[in-house]
Structures are given as C-alpha cells and as structure tokens.
Amino acid sequence: MKVTFYGGAGEVGRSCIVITTEKAKIMLDAGVKPGETNEFPEIPSHELKDIDAVLITHAHLDHCCFTPHLFARGYNGFIYTTKPTMELLNVQVSDYMRLSMPQEIKKEHLDKMSKRFKVIEYRQPFSIKDVKVEFINAGHLVGSCLIRLTHKGKSVLYTGDINLQETKLLEGADLNNLEAETLIMESTYGGKGDIFQSEKDMARSMVKSINDTLLQGGKVLIPSFGVGRAQEVLLFLDDFMNSGKLPKVPIYVDGMIGKVLRIHRHNVIYCRKEIQSRILMSDYDPFKSDNFKIVEKPDRQSITDGQACIIVTTSGMLTGGPVVFYLKRLARDPKNKLMLIGYQVEGTPGRELLDGHKEIDFHDSRLRVNMKVELYHMSAHADRRHLEMIPKRVKGIKRIFIVHGEARKSEELAHAFSHKYRVMLPKIGDSQEI
C-alpha cells in the first residue's frame, strides 16, 4: 500500500489522504481549510478519475466540504459514510455553498453528489476492490468514524478526528479489539500543554461566567460549529437552566443549528444510551427543549437590542454566518461576553481574539472588541493525554503518521512516540509505501 497526503499534513484543515494498492485508489476525507480564502486539497484534478471511492470520517467542513468539488472536477464514484454523516454532510455542504459561493460547483454537481452515497454501519466490513474497509465509532460527533483498511494482511487505521471521552451526546471512541501496523492520527491538541479541564470544573467555570454576564444585563454570544459542538453546548445549557443553576433567559439558536438538532433526534440510536432513554422513557426531549428559541433572520436586531440572553450560533471560528451580525452589534459593549468553545484555526478572527487582539479586520470593517473573550474546551477532540493512549490501545502499531495539527503540536506529539514507534510528520504531497 502507498499513502499520499494531499491536505491536513502540517496543518489543521482540508484533510485529504489517498491510499493506493495494486487495484484500488481510495480517498480518506475531502475537506476545506477555512480562512480569508478557502484552501483545497492539492490533488491534481486529472487524478480524480482514478479514485475508486471516497470515505468520509465525519461531517465537519475541514473533512467533507471538498466533496462537491470532486464531482465538479470529474469524480464519478461513490461516497461512503454512516447514515448521520450523510445527512449532516448535505446540511454542511449547503451552508458552505451559501457562505462561500464556489464558482465551479453547479446544481448538477450537487444533484449528482446527492445520488452517490453508500451508507455503512459501524463494524460492518465491506470491500473496495482488493481492500477490506471497516468504519468504527470515533466519538467525535454523531456518526463519526475511524477507518480501518486491510490489504494483503496489513492494516492502516485512520483516526480522522477522535475523542476518547464520553460527552453529553456520545460515547467515546471504540478502540476495542483493533489491530493495525500503521496509524494515521490527528494531533489537534497534541501540544505538551494541551490538557483539558475536567468536565465538572469546566462546567462550574462556564456557569459562573454566564451568570456574571447575565446578572449585569449582558448578552452571552457562543459561536459554534453547527454540527456537533452546538448540540453539546445546547444540552449543557438546557440541563443547567432546568436545574436552576442558570436563570431562565432565552437561549436563541441561529444558523443551521436547528436543522442539525433535528438530524440528531432522527439518529438518536447513535447517541449515548442515556439520551435515548430520556426520550423513550419520558415526555422530555432534550432536542426540542422549550428553552431553545429558533431564530429567523428578521429577529436578529431585536435580539441584540433586547434583554439579557444567550445566543448560540454559527460559525465557530467567526469566519461567516449569523455570528458576523451578532458580533458587530455586541462587540463594543463590555457587559457582553464572547465564549469560544472549539478549536480556532490560525488566521481566523476567532484565533486573533483568542490571541488577545482588541481590534480585528472583520468582514469588510475594522472592529473594536470591548466585550470579554473566553475559551472553554468543550472539545470533541482527544487532548494530549488521550492522544498518547491511542497507539497503546491498538495492537501491533509499528509506524505512526501524525497529521491534522499545527506544526509545533504535531512535533511535540511525535517526540512523545519516537522512542517506541517509527514516527513521520508528512508534508502536503508526500507519499510513503507502507
């Protein structure tokens, strides 16, 4: 087998890896890297006609939104996903099209893409020519998967994005009875200092901070990935509001988050047993809480002019979507608060604010930010401690490719593994026989 890295190597974003055997050529993920201008995987278009299948680990922009571009550039094969990933991918692509308006993608490409899905269940092996493939729960968001490929007795395990801990929505990744010689793993939080607070401590801090802002009459703005993180934070807020630890103020839900809530509800069998039981054994459905107020575009100004509230909206890195309107309206008032809850890619407005900038170039204007800015790791990724556990829990690992991380973090994680494994830090365009 040969592995080639067309994106996501030495960076976070545009994940895209191709595995080649004597008979098959298989693409793992097809993502976009957000920024001032979107960046795409660096695979030559003429090579796409040779791709036999595209396997998508999960429905985040940086792993799936290059998919319609594949069809615009001549790909004619199938996209293999789990059922939730297929449904979420279509929502994610629709949002991407609305915000980015890529010129090469026409309606016929989207129509073609919609007809080329093959839905696969966890732990049900299938074949693509001479390669056996298996999807395994990755714990990152609903329907996310690790991908294990086996050819002539040798196996590769690709983590995509992985989370070993259970969350309000999901069980942690399923690493039981896995074996592979080669591991391709993410390193988003691979730095030495990337140790997350316990969920209990984070919740205590976050609730206190929200209460402080609401008591001053301020508004709490929580930008989030529309898929996964938003649903986690909404369940978190709902539980604390119902228990009385947060006051009963409106929780406004804007962007594609409401649609994604419905997809989670339809795919609740992929969620934790506790969530399933809450729906099946009682009249309470956490995905349809009365605390949530779905926002229509004309409502936004009255929300920013109105009473103390919590606003959960897209996008998580402040690169587009409804958060642009809210931040421009709320940023100058020091009573308000911006809570970042997910990873902020270098070069995005979210990262600039996290790095301490008080003025940023923000969507055609210069924005002064007086509101408080805080970060809470409501992360769907493994932190450094859990990343170190992964090779130990997969039998037979001999070599590790470290991807999907800023250079320093990937290097620090590689150093931790170098005493036991052959570790590689690929660059875009690198190929390696395995």
Foldseek 3Di string as FASTA:
>chain_A
DKKAFQDQFQFAFQGWMWDDDPQAIEIEFWAWPDFPAIDGGRDDLVCLCRHAEYEFQAQDRRGHQCQLVNLLSPHQAAYEFAPLRLVSNLVSNVVCCVWNVDPSGDPVSNVSRNPRYDHDDAPDWDDRVQKIWGWWFQQLAQRGTWIWIDHPHAIEIENPFHAQPHAPWAHHTDLPPFAHAEYEYEQAQLAPPFDADDPVVLLVVVLVVLQQLQVVFAAEEEAAALGGPLLRVLLSVVVCCVVVSHPLAAEEEEDCNLVNLVSCVVVSVSTDPVLVCPVPVDVDHSSDDPSYDYDDPVCVVCVLVDTYYYYYYDDLLLSDGPVLVNCQSRFVDQSYEYERAEDHGPNTPSVCVVVPDQWDDHDPDIDGGNYHYYYHHPGSGYHNVVVVCNVVSHPNYAEYEYGNYNNNSSVSNQVVCVVGHHYHRDDNGDMDDD
